[in-house]
């Protein structure tokens, strides 16, 4: 079955444009609710959102859809994506919903669905829900309509859970931490958790107004936190994205520590403690070749997957790995969470700094990345990758860099972009290869 709604991370798009309309959101609520009405118990769904203005519209539409098919709704309010995944299990719910477009600007929004086990839905479940979207809804009898209620202690439950990911005696006393919450879903939970563990916290990106999520702040816009870390003479900076499932770190010198370095730190630290499972970590094809070489030197493996945290998680579960993620900052630590959790990963980084008693610039840069370049080319129609000129450019570049690096060209799963990446020991060669391929894509996309 062709999937026209669900992409690599749920449903996402421009608000009030297909498929991110109130009508579609209500239909998704009806379809997902009907699909998960299994067994004779009273069914419930937990619904969280980030801080986008459109979250109110989509939340109310989905509540109408769920209650119309007989499912009770528990509304969490603004909460990180991993908090929704956690509360699905804790509250014995049948389904979880996160209304968020993650790191995208406020004009976009999205719908992520979690099953009763707290994991993102399988392709089969998403396909089944898509199949119900255009079918007549399975409306409940008036006596069996669902109820909706808000709970006030969701944040406290989540904060308690993420603090429990650390040993009971672990404290962050003496650390000065700048934390940027991207004016997003973690604007309250992340600074509170880190402060409660003893750190001196300087919180920014904690004044959401519906339109400023990810706007010049957060893990995809690091200038603000870099400047603040230097100004405050802080030990480290923690940058989350809009729904707080990503983490990028800034050391005391204002240098970026990406997901590859964070995975290397957490993975090797757990290995030394005898707690790493699977014999290595799982990352995507985008992770730097330097990470792979570093892990090999530590006697560990790097298992690569397609781009997308759900692919990483699938490989982790299949191979028994407990550390995985993406260069972009998704950190999945299955000992503590069923999906990427930027705050839990941040706590692990801070614990490593306390343990090492050395500056972040020494602790967090474990390997030298090989030159890697990623550029995006926007297209308006068709598939530029099918063009003969583009295929020829890719084939020539692949032969040129064979044995000395890698090339990766793929379509974005959330935007009309062709992503062109190359890496290798020769920076000039990498630049030339990416430029040639982007030019070829641009010519057929104009």
Protein backbone atom coordinates (compact mmCIF):
# COMPACT_ATOMS: atom_id res chain seq x y z
CA UNK A 1 0.00 0.00 0.00
CA UNK A 2 1.30 3.48 -0.91
CA UNK A 3 1.63 5.72 2.14
CA UNK A 4 0.38 9.23 1.39
CA UNK A 5 0.14 10.56 4.95
CA UNK A 6 2.82 8.94 7.10
CA UNK A 7 6.43 9.81 6.38
CA UNK A 8 9.64 8.85 8.14
CA UNK A 9 8.42 10.34 11.43
CA UNK A 10 4.64 10.38 11.46
CA UNK A 11 2.56 12.93 9.58
CA UNK A 12 4.02 16.38 9.03
CA UNK A 13 3.36 19.46 6.93
CA UNK A 14 2.42 23.13 6.74
CA UNK A 15 -0.43 24.01 9.09
CA UNK A 16 -3.83 24.42 7.39
CA UNK A 17 -2.47 22.75 4.27
CA UNK A 18 -2.97 19.09 3.44
CA UNK A 19 -2.38 16.96 5.44
CA UNK A 20 -1.99 19.23 8.47
CA UNK A 21 -5.58 20.44 8.72
CA UNK A 22 -8.09 20.15 11.55
CA UNK A 23 -10.21 17.88 9.35
CA UNK A 24 -7.39 15.42 8.75
CA UNK A 25 -6.36 15.54 12.42
CA UNK A 26 -9.90 14.59 13.46
CA UNK A 27 -9.92 11.76 10.91
CA UNK A 28 -6.58 10.50 12.21
CA UNK A 29 -8.06 10.51 15.71
CA UNK A 30 -11.06 8.51 14.50
CA UNK A 31 -8.96 6.07 12.47
CA UNK A 32 -6.21 5.54 15.07
CA UNK A 33 -8.78 5.25 17.84
CA UNK A 34 -10.79 2.66 15.92
CA UNK A 35 -7.64 0.71 15.08
CA UNK A 36 -6.64 0.47 18.75
CA UNK A 37 -10.08 -0.39 20.15
CA UNK A 38 -8.98 -3.90 21.05
CA UNK A 39 -10.35 -5.94 23.91
CA UNK A 40 -13.17 -5.26 26.33
CA UNK A 41 -11.46 -2.71 28.59
CA UNK A 42 -12.13 1.02 28.55
CA UNK A 43 -9.68 2.45 26.04
CA UNK A 44 -7.61 5.59 26.48
CA UNK A 45 -5.10 7.72 24.58
CA UNK A 46 -2.62 10.24 25.97
CA UNK A 47 -2.08 13.39 23.90
CA UNK A 48 0.87 15.75 24.24
CA UNK A 49 2.03 18.67 22.13
CA UNK A 50 4.83 21.17 21.77
CA UNK A 51 4.34 24.93 21.96
CA UNK A 52 3.23 25.77 18.42
CA UNK A 53 0.18 27.98 17.99
CA UNK A 54 -1.44 25.34 15.79
CA UNK A 55 -1.18 22.78 18.58
CA UNK A 56 -4.45 24.02 20.09
CA UNK A 57 -6.33 23.49 16.84
CA UNK A 58 -4.92 20.06 16.11
CA UNK A 59 -5.25 18.86 19.70
CA UNK A 60 -8.93 19.77 19.88
CA UNK A 61 -9.58 18.16 16.51
CA UNK A 62 -7.91 14.92 17.56
CA UNK A 63 -9.74 14.89 20.89
CA UNK A 64 -13.01 15.14 18.96
CA UNK A 65 -11.95 12.26 16.73
CA UNK A 66 -10.88 9.97 19.58
CA UNK A 67 -13.91 10.62 21.77
CA UNK A 68 -16.28 10.13 18.83
CA UNK A 69 -15.15 6.53 18.42
CA UNK A 70 -15.34 5.80 22.15
CA UNK A 71 -11.79 6.39 23.37
CA UNK A 72 -11.04 8.39 26.51
CA UNK A 73 -8.43 11.12 26.12
CA UNK A 74 -5.84 12.27 28.64
CA UNK A 75 -4.42 15.65 27.65
CA UNK A 76 -0.88 16.33 28.88
CA UNK A 77 -0.37 19.84 27.52
CA UNK A 78 3.12 20.88 26.33
CA UNK A 79 5.41 17.91 26.94
CA UNK A 80 8.50 16.40 25.28
CA UNK A 81 7.94 13.60 22.80
CA UNK A 82 9.71 11.04 25.04
CA UNK A 83 7.43 12.03 27.91
CA UNK A 84 4.42 10.99 25.85
CA UNK A 85 6.06 7.65 25.07
CA UNK A 86 6.76 7.12 28.79
CA UNK A 87 3.27 8.10 29.95
CA UNK A 88 1.58 5.79 27.44
CA UNK A 89 3.06 2.86 29.35
CA UNK A 90 2.76 4.36 32.82
CA UNK A 91 -0.92 5.19 32.37
CA UNK A 92 -1.72 1.84 30.71
CA UNK A 93 -2.98 3.66 27.64
CA UNK A 94 -3.67 2.03 24.29
CA UNK A 95 -2.17 4.83 22.22
CA UNK A 96 -0.04 7.94 22.53
CA UNK A 97 -0.05 11.06 20.35
CA UNK A 98 2.56 13.80 20.12
CA UNK A 99 1.54 16.87 18.14
CA UNK A 100 4.82 18.37 16.96
CA UNK A 101 6.94 19.11 13.92
CA UNK A 102 10.12 18.65 15.98
CA UNK A 103 12.87 21.02 14.75
CA UNK A 104 10.74 22.63 11.98
CA UNK A 105 9.55 26.27 12.19
CA UNK A 106 6.27 27.08 13.93
CA UNK A 107 4.29 27.21 10.69
CA UNK A 108 4.64 23.42 10.39
CA UNK A 109 3.16 20.80 12.63
CA UNK A 110 2.94 17.03 12.80
CA UNK A 111 1.41 13.98 14.43
CA UNK A 112 3.51 11.17 15.93
CA UNK A 113 1.80 8.03 17.22
CA UNK A 114 3.00 5.59 19.88
CA UNK A 115 1.64 2.15 20.67
CA UNK A 116 0.81 0.86 24.17
CA UNK A 117 4.43 -0.29 24.57
CA UNK A 118 5.70 3.27 24.16
CA UNK A 119 7.32 2.59 20.79
CA UNK A 120 6.49 4.42 17.58
CA UNK A 121 3.97 2.57 15.45
CA UNK A 122 5.07 -0.08 12.99
CA UNK A 123 4.68 0.38 9.26
CA UNK A 124 1.81 -2.12 9.40
CA UNK A 125 -0.09 -0.11 12.02
CA UNK A 126 0.45 3.14 10.12
CA UNK A 127 -0.75 1.52 6.89
CA UNK A 128 -3.84 0.18 8.65
CA UNK A 129 -4.66 3.64 10.01
CA UNK A 130 -4.17 5.19 6.56
CA UNK A 131 -6.59 2.61 5.19
CA UNK A 132 -9.26 3.83 7.60
CA UNK A 133 -8.89 7.55 6.87
CA UNK A 134 -11.18 7.57 3.85
CA UNK A 135 -13.52 4.86 5.13
CA UNK A 136 -16.78 5.70 6.95
CA UNK A 137 -15.86 6.33 10.61
CA UNK A 138 -16.75 3.72 13.22
CA UNK A 139 -18.65 6.09 15.49
CA UNK A 140 -19.59 5.01 19.00
CA UNK A 141 -23.12 4.91 20.35
CA UNK A 142 -24.01 8.04 22.37
CA UNK A 143 -23.72 6.05 25.59
CA UNK A 144 -20.17 4.94 24.72
CA UNK A 145 -18.61 8.27 23.76
CA UNK A 146 -15.19 8.91 25.21
CA UNK A 147 -14.34 11.48 27.86
CA UNK A 148 -11.48 13.98 27.87
CA UNK A 149 -9.53 15.25 30.86
CA UNK A 150 -6.29 17.10 31.53
CA UNK A 151 -3.80 15.94 34.15
CA UNK A 152 -1.73 18.46 36.04
CA UNK A 153 1.16 16.31 37.25
CA UNK A 154 2.49 15.04 33.90
CA UNK A 155 5.61 17.21 34.08
CA UNK A 156 6.43 16.02 37.57
CA UNK A 157 6.05 12.38 36.55
CA UNK A 158 8.41 12.84 33.63
CA UNK A 159 11.01 14.77 35.65
CA UNK A 160 11.03 12.00 38.25
CA UNK A 161 11.49 9.35 35.54
CA UNK A 162 14.42 11.03 33.80
CA UNK A 163 16.22 11.71 37.09
CA UNK A 164 15.84 8.00 37.85
CA UNK A 165 18.02 7.26 34.79
CA UNK A 166 21.04 8.25 36.94
CA UNK A 167 22.43 6.52 40.03
CA UNK A 168 20.74 7.82 43.16
CA UNK A 169 23.90 9.50 44.48
CA UNK A 170 24.76 11.27 41.21
CA UNK A 171 24.75 15.05 41.58
CA UNK A 172 25.81 17.95 39.37
CA UNK A 173 27.04 20.28 42.12
CA UNK A 174 29.68 22.65 40.84
CA UNK A 175 28.59 22.49 37.19
CA UNK A 176 27.32 25.64 35.51
CA UNK A 177 25.03 24.61 32.67
CA UNK A 178 23.39 26.74 30.01
CA UNK A 179 20.33 24.96 28.66
CA UNK A 180 18.46 26.08 25.53
CA UNK A 181 14.97 24.59 25.27
CA UNK A 182 14.19 26.08 21.83
CA UNK A 183 11.03 27.70 23.24
CA UNK A 184 9.64 24.21 22.87
CA UNK A 185 8.14 21.32 24.75
CA UNK A 186 10.91 20.97 27.39
CA UNK A 187 10.90 24.63 28.44
CA UNK A 188 9.92 23.60 31.96
CA UNK A 189 10.99 19.97 32.41
CA UNK A 190 14.63 20.04 31.30
CA UNK A 191 15.84 23.06 33.33
CA UNK A 192 13.95 21.79 36.38
CA UNK A 193 15.47 18.30 36.23
CA UNK A 194 19.02 19.57 35.82
CA UNK A 195 18.56 22.16 38.58
CA UNK A 196 17.12 19.56 40.96
CA UNK A 197 20.26 17.47 40.42
CA UNK A 198 22.36 20.32 41.79
CA UNK A 199 23.61 22.21 38.74
CA UNK A 200 23.75 25.98 38.48
CA UNK A 201 21.43 26.38 35.50
CA UNK A 202 21.06 29.26 33.08
CA UNK A 203 17.93 28.55 31.03
CA UNK A 204 17.21 30.19 27.68
CA UNK A 205 14.57 29.45 25.06
CA UNK A 206 11.98 29.04 27.83
CA UNK A 207 9.45 31.72 26.84
CA UNK A 208 7.25 30.12 24.16
CA UNK A 209 4.66 32.34 22.52
CA UNK A 210 3.35 29.96 19.87
CA UNK A 211 5.53 31.37 17.12
CA UNK A 212 9.10 31.37 18.43
CA UNK A 213 9.75 27.61 18.70
CA UNK A 214 13.13 26.78 17.08
CA UNK A 215 13.43 30.44 16.03
CA UNK A 216 17.10 31.33 16.40
CA UNK A 217 17.44 28.90 19.28
CA UNK A 218 17.68 25.21 20.10
CA UNK A 219 19.74 22.39 18.67
CA UNK A 220 19.40 23.57 15.06
CA UNK A 221 20.46 27.16 15.74
CA UNK A 222 23.45 27.20 18.06
CA UNK A 223 24.78 30.76 17.85
CA UNK A 224 22.69 31.93 20.80
CA UNK A 225 23.75 29.19 23.20
CA UNK A 226 27.40 29.42 22.14
CA UNK A 227 27.45 33.11 22.94
CA UNK A 228 25.69 32.54 26.25
CA UNK A 229 28.07 29.75 27.32
CA UNK A 230 31.04 32.04 26.71
CA UNK A 231 29.37 35.03 28.38
CA UNK A 232 28.40 33.01 31.47
CA UNK A 233 31.75 31.21 31.55
CA UNK A 234 29.69 28.04 31.85
CA UNK A 235 31.06 24.52 31.93
CA UNK A 236 28.78 23.26 29.18
CA UNK A 237 25.73 24.08 27.09
CA UNK A 238 22.77 21.79 26.43
CA UNK A 239 20.64 22.49 23.34
CA UNK A 240 17.35 20.66 22.71
CA UNK A 241 14.98 20.90 19.76
CA UNK A 242 11.28 21.77 19.72
CA UNK A 243 10.02 18.43 21.00
CA UNK A 244 13.17 17.61 23.03
CA UNK A 245 14.06 14.31 21.41
CA UNK A 246 17.34 15.77 20.08
CA UNK A 247 20.46 16.95 21.88
CA UNK A 248 23.46 18.95 20.73
CA UNK A 249 26.10 19.99 23.28
CA UNK A 250 28.37 23.05 23.36
CA UNK A 251 31.63 22.84 25.34
CA UNK A 252 33.06 25.62 27.51
CA UNK A 253 34.94 27.04 24.50
CA UNK A 254 31.76 27.36 22.45
CA UNK A 255 32.57 24.38 20.23
CA UNK A 256 29.82 22.12 18.91
CA UNK A 257 29.56 18.52 20.14
CA UNK A 258 27.25 16.68 17.73
CA UNK A 259 25.40 13.41 18.06
CA UNK A 260 28.34 11.33 16.86
CA UNK A 261 30.58 12.60 19.66
CA UNK A 262 27.79 12.19 22.21
CA UNK A 263 27.19 8.58 21.15
CA UNK A 264 30.93 7.90 21.33
CA UNK A 265 31.05 9.32 24.86
CA UNK A 266 28.02 7.47 26.20
CA UNK A 267 28.83 4.21 24.41
CA UNK A 268 32.46 3.96 25.53
CA UNK A 269 31.59 5.05 29.07
CA UNK A 270 29.01 2.28 29.35
CA UNK A 271 31.51 -0.18 27.83
CA UNK A 272 34.04 0.65 30.55
CA UNK A 273 31.34 0.05 33.14
CA UNK A 274 30.41 -3.29 31.55
CA UNK A 275 26.94 -1.96 30.74
CA UNK A 276 27.07 -1.59 26.94
CA UNK A 277 25.09 -4.28 25.15
CA UNK A 278 25.32 -5.43 21.55
CA UNK A 279 29.07 -4.91 21.30
CA UNK A 280 28.79 -1.39 19.88
CA UNK A 281 26.31 1.31 18.95
CA UNK A 282 23.76 1.88 16.19
CA UNK A 283 23.79 5.01 14.03
CA UNK A 284 22.64 6.02 10.57
CA UNK A 285 24.45 6.29 7.27
CA UNK A 286 24.97 9.98 8.06
CA UNK A 287 27.31 9.37 11.00
CA UNK A 288 30.90 10.40 10.39
CA UNK A 289 33.52 7.90 9.29
CA UNK A 290 35.64 9.17 12.18
CA UNK A 291 33.12 7.70 14.64
CA UNK A 292 33.35 4.32 12.96
CA UNK A 293 37.16 4.35 13.09
CA UNK A 294 37.17 5.45 16.73
CA UNK A 295 34.81 2.69 17.82
CA UNK A 296 36.86 0.10 15.95
CA UNK A 297 39.89 1.26 17.91
CA UNK A 298 37.94 0.64 21.12
CA UNK A 299 36.98 -2.87 20.03
CA UNK A 300 33.39 -1.80 19.34
CA UNK A 301 31.25 -1.87 16.23
CA UNK A 302 29.16 0.75 14.45
CA UNK A 303 25.98 -0.65 12.93
CA UNK A 304 24.50 1.68 10.31
CA UNK A 305 20.86 2.08 9.31
CA UNK A 306 18.79 4.27 7.02
CA UNK A 307 18.19 7.83 8.22
CA UNK A 308 15.48 8.09 10.84
CA UNK A 309 15.42 7.29 14.53
CA UNK A 310 12.80 4.59 14.04
CA UNK A 311 15.24 2.66 11.83
CA UNK A 312 17.91 3.06 14.49
CA UNK A 313 15.56 1.75 17.15
CA UNK A 314 14.52 -1.23 15.04
CA UNK A 315 18.17 -2.23 14.59
CA UNK A 316 18.85 -1.72 18.30
CA UNK A 317 15.96 -3.97 19.32
CA UNK A 318 16.89 -6.64 16.76
CA UNK A 319 20.56 -6.70 17.80
CA UNK A 320 20.27 -6.13 21.53
CA UNK A 321 21.97 -2.70 21.50
CA UNK A 322 21.26 -0.16 24.23
CA UNK A 323 22.93 2.93 22.68
CA UNK A 324 22.04 4.41 19.32
CA UNK A 325 21.17 7.65 17.62
CA UNK A 326 21.83 10.11 14.85
CA UNK A 327 24.48 12.69 14.13
CA UNK A 328 21.71 15.29 14.22
CA UNK A 329 21.21 14.64 17.92
CA UNK A 330 18.61 11.92 18.36
CA UNK A 331 19.90 9.85 21.27
CA UNK A 332 18.18 6.55 22.03
CA UNK A 333 19.15 4.88 25.30
CA UNK A 334 16.86 1.88 25.60
CA UNK A 335 17.81 1.20 29.20
CA UNK A 336 15.79 4.32 30.03
CA UNK A 337 13.45 5.20 27.15
CA UNK A 338 11.64 3.77 24.13
CA UNK A 339 12.43 6.69 21.85
CA UNK A 340 14.96 9.50 21.49
CA UNK A 341 15.22 11.60 24.65
CA UNK A 342 17.45 14.67 24.57
CA UNK A 343 17.19 15.34 28.30
CA UNK A 344 18.11 11.81 29.38
CA UNK A 345 21.11 11.94 27.04
CA UNK A 346 22.06 15.34 28.48
CA UNK A 347 22.03 13.89 31.99
CA UNK A 348 24.42 11.16 30.85
CA UNK A 349 26.77 13.77 29.39
CA UNK A 350 26.69 15.83 32.58
CA UNK A 351 27.32 12.71 34.68
CA UNK A 352 30.38 11.96 32.52
CA UNK A 353 31.72 15.49 33.13
CA UNK A 354 31.27 15.15 36.87
CA UNK A 355 33.00 11.78 36.81
CA UNK A 356 35.94 12.96 34.66
CA UNK A 357 36.54 16.21 36.57
CA UNK A 358 37.98 17.69 33.38
CA UNK A 359 36.74 20.41 30.99
CA UNK A 360 34.05 19.53 28.48
CA UNK A 361 36.42 20.36 25.63
CA UNK A 362 38.63 17.47 26.75
CA UNK A 363 35.91 14.99 27.70
CA UNK A 364 33.47 15.42 24.82
CA UNK A 365 35.74 15.42 21.76
CA UNK A 366 36.82 11.79 21.50
CA UNK A 367 37.72 11.59 17.81
CA UNK A 368 38.60 13.83 14.89
CA UNK A 369 35.81 13.77 12.30
CA UNK A 370 36.86 13.30 8.69
CA UNK A 371 35.81 16.15 6.38
CA UNK A 372 32.09 15.76 5.73
CA UNK A 373 29.84 18.07 3.73
CA UNK A 374 26.05 18.00 3.47
CA UNK A 375 24.04 20.25 1.19
CA UNK A 376 20.33 20.33 0.41
CA UNK A 377 18.80 21.04 -2.98
CA UNK A 378 15.09 21.91 -3.06
CA UNK A 379 12.93 20.57 -5.88
CA UNK A 380 9.36 21.26 -6.93
CA UNK A 381 8.20 18.20 -8.87
CA UNK A 382 9.11 14.70 -9.95
CA UNK A 383 12.18 12.86 -8.68
CA UNK A 384 15.47 14.50 -9.68
CA UNK A 385 17.36 11.37 -8.69
CA UNK A 386 15.86 9.55 -11.69
CA UNK A 387 17.39 12.02 -14.15
CA UNK A 388 20.15 10.52 -16.29
CA UNK A 389 22.48 13.48 -15.76
CA UNK A 390 22.14 13.18 -11.98
CA UNK A 391 22.74 9.43 -12.04
CA UNK A 392 25.83 9.96 -14.19
CA UNK A 393 27.22 12.59 -11.79
CA UNK A 394 26.65 10.26 -8.83
CA UNK A 395 28.30 7.31 -10.58
CA UNK A 396 31.38 9.35 -11.54
CA UNK A 397 31.74 10.72 -8.01
CA UNK A 398 31.37 7.25 -6.50
CA UNK A 399 34.20 5.90 -8.65
CA UNK A 400 36.38 8.90 -7.76
CA UNK A 401 36.07 8.54 -3.98
CA UNK A 402 35.92 4.75 -3.82
CA UNK A 403 38.09 3.46 -0.98
CA UNK A 404 38.78 6.95 0.36
CA UNK A 405 35.37 7.98 1.65
CA UNK A 406 31.61 7.77 1.18
CA UNK A 407 28.83 9.40 -0.82
CA UNK A 408 25.19 9.46 0.27
CA UNK A 409 22.37 10.99 -1.74
CA UNK A 410 18.80 10.71 -0.53
CA UNK A 411 15.42 12.40 -0.54
CA UNK A 412 14.28 14.02 2.69
CA UNK A 413 11.40 12.22 4.35
CA UNK A 414 9.82 15.45 5.60
CA UNK A 415 10.57 18.15 2.98
CA UNK A 416 10.99 18.36 -0.83
CA UNK A 417 14.78 18.27 -0.59
CA UNK A 418 17.55 16.16 -2.06
CA UNK A 419 20.27 15.74 0.55
CA UNK A 420 23.78 15.34 -0.88
CA UNK A 421 26.52 14.20 1.49
CA UNK A 422 30.13 13.20 0.92
CA UNK A 423 32.98 12.55 3.32
CA UNK A 424 36.60 11.55 3.00
CA UNK A 425 40.12 12.39 4.07
CA UNK A 426 40.57 14.91 1.23
CA UNK A 427 38.45 17.99 2.04
CA UNK A 428 38.97 19.56 -1.40
CA UNK A 429 37.78 16.39 -3.12
CA UNK A 430 34.70 16.21 -0.85
CA UNK A 431 33.78 19.82 -1.64
CA UNK A 432 34.17 19.28 -5.38
CA UNK A 433 32.07 16.11 -5.39
CA UNK A 434 29.19 17.64 -3.46
CA UNK A 435 29.22 20.75 -5.64
CA UNK A 436 29.07 18.71 -8.87
CA UNK A 437 26.19 16.53 -7.69
CA UNK A 438 24.22 19.50 -6.32
CA UNK A 439 24.67 21.33 -9.61
CA UNK A 440 23.37 18.32 -11.53
CA UNK A 441 20.33 18.06 -9.23
CA UNK A 442 19.73 21.79 -9.47
CA UNK A 443 19.67 21.76 -13.25
CA UNK A 444 16.84 19.24 -13.42
CA UNK A 445 14.99 20.83 -10.48
CA UNK A 446 14.88 24.35 -11.87
